[in-house]
Amino acid sequence: MQSINVKTGALVIGLLILVLSVFIQSSLSSAQNAESEASANKQLLLDFFAFEGSDIERMERFLADDYVQHNPRFLAMDKFTGASGGRAWVEARIEARSRGGIPLVDLGGIRLRDPVIMMAEGDLVTAIYKGELADPDKPGETYEAFAFETFRVRDGKFTEHWDQVSLKEGWMNVE
């Protein structure tokens, strides 16, 4: 009777070890997949801002058909174009140019190259950029300023975008 209990106990322990081993392997695989996805999403963001093709080529390569833009200047152009999704990004840029070059992204001179911080978690990726801007209270001096770009990614394309661009009085007036 006792040898049956020992055999049963050994079998239960063996099964527990097997289940735990499968669980650990699955967890490691999931962590590796998440890290790989985060790296791919970071590279996608870098590639988007380094891309040198046309607006249409950029849209086709990087923006999902159901792309959602949260930059209020792009959204204002959408009211004129009536476009939506990825196509709205292209049409907003065309509309802004046709109106004399209205700036859709006004970062005061901060360049969207060489981010100082990149973060990715789940389907979101963010880059933070640093620049030196003229200090309005101290002529001839500058201060550090930062800009961010955040995208949601699905199947290797951007589906949503946020940044810090705001509407300022007279932003549509081009000198």
Protein backbone atom coordinates (compact mmCIF):
# COMPACT_ATOMS: atom_id res chain seq x y z
CA MET A 1 0.00 0.00 0.00
CA GLN A 2 2.81 2.35 0.91
CA SER A 3 4.68 1.60 -2.35
CA ILE A 4 1.54 2.63 -4.29
CA ASN A 5 1.41 5.96 -2.40
CA VAL A 6 5.11 6.53 -3.10
CA LYS A 7 4.60 5.76 -6.80
CA THR A 8 1.52 8.01 -6.93
CA GLY A 9 3.39 10.80 -5.16
CA ALA A 10 6.34 10.49 -7.55
CA LEU A 11 3.95 10.55 -10.51
CA VAL A 12 2.21 13.70 -9.19
CA ILE A 13 5.56 15.42 -8.58
CA GLY A 14 6.73 14.41 -12.06
CA LEU A 15 3.56 15.83 -13.61
CA LEU A 16 3.92 19.07 -11.61
CA ILE A 17 7.51 19.46 -12.80
CA LEU A 18 6.40 18.87 -16.40
CA VAL A 19 3.57 21.44 -16.14
CA LEU A 20 5.87 23.97 -14.46
CA SER A 21 8.50 23.43 -17.17
CA VAL A 22 5.94 24.04 -19.94
CA PHE A 23 4.69 27.16 -18.13
CA ILE A 24 8.22 28.58 -17.77
CA GLN A 25 9.01 27.90 -21.44
CA SER A 26 5.77 29.57 -22.49
CA SER A 27 6.50 32.60 -20.29
CA LEU A 28 10.03 32.92 -21.66
CA SER A 29 8.73 32.65 -25.21
CA SER A 30 6.10 35.33 -24.54
CA ALA A 31 8.72 37.65 -23.04
CA GLN A 32 11.01 37.13 -26.03
CA ASN A 33 8.12 37.82 -28.43
CA ALA A 34 7.22 41.02 -26.56
CA GLU A 35 10.84 42.17 -26.65
CA SER A 36 11.05 41.40 -30.37
CA GLU A 37 7.79 43.28 -31.02
CA ALA A 38 9.03 46.27 -29.00
CA SER A 39 12.26 46.38 -31.02
CA ALA A 40 10.35 46.14 -34.30
CA ASN A 41 7.99 48.94 -33.24
CA LYS A 42 10.92 51.19 -32.27
CA GLN A 43 12.56 50.56 -35.63
CA LEU A 44 9.28 51.31 -37.42
CA LEU A 45 9.14 54.72 -35.73
CA LEU A 46 12.77 55.48 -36.63
CA ASP A 47 12.18 54.38 -40.22
CA PHE A 48 9.06 56.56 -40.52
CA PHE A 49 10.91 59.76 -39.68
CA ALA A 50 13.96 58.81 -41.78
CA PHE A 51 11.86 57.88 -44.84
CA GLU A 52 12.71 59.90 -47.94
CA GLY A 53 9.99 58.84 -50.37
CA SER A 54 6.81 60.67 -51.30
CA ASP A 55 3.92 61.26 -48.89
CA ILE A 56 1.91 58.58 -50.69
CA GLU A 57 4.78 56.08 -50.46
CA ARG A 58 5.17 56.89 -46.76
CA MET A 59 1.43 56.43 -46.18
CA GLU A 60 1.41 53.09 -48.00
CA ARG A 61 4.46 51.82 -46.12
CA PHE A 62 3.68 53.03 -42.60
CA LEU A 63 0.00 53.94 -42.10
CA ALA A 64 -2.92 51.55 -41.71
CA ASP A 65 -6.06 52.23 -43.72
CA ASP A 66 -7.90 53.02 -40.47
CA TYR A 67 -5.14 55.32 -39.14
CA VAL A 68 -6.32 57.84 -36.52
CA GLN A 69 -4.50 61.17 -36.12
CA HIS A 70 -4.77 63.16 -32.88
CA ASN A 71 -2.64 66.15 -33.96
CA PRO A 72 -5.19 69.02 -33.99
CA ARG A 73 -3.57 70.73 -36.99
CA PHE A 74 -3.95 67.64 -39.14
CA LEU A 75 -7.53 67.30 -37.89
CA ALA A 76 -8.25 70.90 -38.92
CA MET A 77 -7.04 70.10 -42.45
CA ASP A 78 -9.31 67.04 -42.52
CA LYS A 79 -12.28 69.41 -42.29
CA PHE A 80 -11.21 70.88 -45.65
CA THR A 81 -10.25 67.62 -47.35
CA GLY A 82 -12.95 65.29 -46.02
CA ALA A 83 -10.37 62.50 -46.05
CA SER A 84 -10.06 59.81 -43.38
CA GLY A 85 -7.69 57.06 -42.31
CA GLY A 86 -4.17 56.93 -43.72
CA ARG A 87 -5.28 58.95 -46.72
CA ALA A 88 -6.17 61.88 -44.39
CA TRP A 89 -2.49 62.21 -43.44
CA VAL A 90 -1.52 62.69 -47.10
CA GLU A 91 -4.45 64.96 -47.94
CA ALA A 92 -3.79 67.17 -44.88
CA ARG A 93 -0.19 67.69 -45.99
CA ILE A 94 -1.30 68.55 -49.54
CA GLU A 95 -3.97 70.95 -48.22
CA ALA A 96 -1.51 72.68 -45.88
CA ARG A 97 0.97 73.17 -48.75
CA SER A 98 -1.76 74.50 -51.04
CA ARG A 99 -2.64 77.10 -48.39
CA GLY A 100 0.88 78.53 -48.47
CA GLY A 101 2.73 76.04 -46.33
CA ILE A 102 0.73 75.98 -43.09
CA PRO A 103 2.90 74.21 -40.48
CA LEU A 104 1.20 71.03 -39.34
CA VAL A 105 3.99 70.20 -36.92
CA ASP A 106 5.44 73.21 -35.11
CA LEU A 107 8.09 72.12 -32.65
CA GLY A 108 9.98 75.41 -32.53
CA GLY A 109 12.98 73.87 -34.23
CA ILE A 110 13.18 70.51 -32.45
CA ARG A 111 14.16 67.98 -35.11
CA LEU A 112 12.48 64.58 -35.20
CA ARG A 113 15.79 62.77 -35.62
CA ASP A 114 17.95 60.91 -33.12
CA PRO A 115 15.55 60.51 -30.20
CA VAL A 116 17.06 60.77 -26.72
CA ILE A 117 14.54 58.27 -25.30
CA MET A 118 12.59 55.46 -26.96
CA MET A 119 10.00 53.35 -25.17
CA ALA A 120 7.78 50.55 -26.38
CA GLU A 121 5.20 48.57 -24.50
CA GLY A 122 2.50 46.42 -25.99
CA ASP A 123 1.28 48.08 -29.18
CA LEU A 124 2.56 51.58 -28.25
CA VAL A 125 5.91 53.13 -29.14
CA THR A 126 7.15 56.57 -28.09
CA ALA A 127 10.18 58.64 -29.05
CA ILE A 128 11.30 61.75 -27.19
CA TYR A 129 13.42 64.33 -29.00
CA LYS A 130 15.55 67.10 -27.52
CA GLY A 131 16.31 70.52 -28.91
CA GLU A 132 17.60 73.95 -27.95
CA LEU A 133 15.08 76.75 -28.32
CA ALA A 134 15.54 80.50 -28.04
CA ASP A 135 14.69 81.75 -24.55
CA PRO A 136 12.00 84.43 -25.03
CA ASP A 137 12.95 86.11 -21.76
CA LYS A 138 16.73 86.10 -22.32
CA PRO A 139 17.72 87.25 -25.81
CA GLY A 140 20.68 85.32 -27.16
CA GLU A 141 20.20 82.41 -24.73
CA THR A 142 18.55 79.03 -25.24
CA TYR A 143 16.87 76.38 -23.13
CA GLU A 144 16.40 72.63 -23.50
CA ALA A 145 13.03 71.59 -24.85
CA PHE A 146 11.53 68.23 -25.68
CA ALA A 147 9.01 66.85 -28.16
CA PHE A 148 7.37 63.44 -28.28
CA GLU A 149 5.79 61.21 -30.90
CA THR A 150 3.67 58.23 -29.84
CA PHE A 151 2.16 55.67 -32.19
CA ARG A 152 -0.04 52.61 -31.82
CA VAL A 153 1.14 49.75 -34.05
CA ARG A 154 -0.79 46.86 -35.57
CA ASP A 155 0.63 44.39 -38.07
CA GLY A 156 3.71 46.54 -38.73
CA LYS A 157 1.77 49.77 -39.46
CA PHE A 158 0.76 52.79 -37.44
CA THR A 159 -2.91 52.87 -36.51
CA GLU A 160 -2.93 55.90 -34.22
CA HIS A 161 -0.71 58.92 -33.44
CA TRP A 162 -0.30 61.48 -30.64
CA ASP A 163 2.09 64.40 -30.21
CA GLN A 164 2.24 67.67 -28.28
CA VAL A 165 1.33 69.96 -31.19
CA SER A 166 -1.36 72.46 -30.27
CA LEU A 167 -3.42 75.15 -31.95
CA LYS A 168 -2.15 78.67 -31.38
CA GLU A 169 -3.80 81.90 -32.38
CA GLY A 170 -3.06 82.59 -36.04
CA TRP A 171 -1.49 79.17 -36.69
CA MET A 172 -3.13 79.01 -40.14
CA ASN A 173 -1.82 82.44 -41.16
CA VAL A 174 1.26 82.01 -43.30
CA GLU A 175 3.52 85.03 -43.59
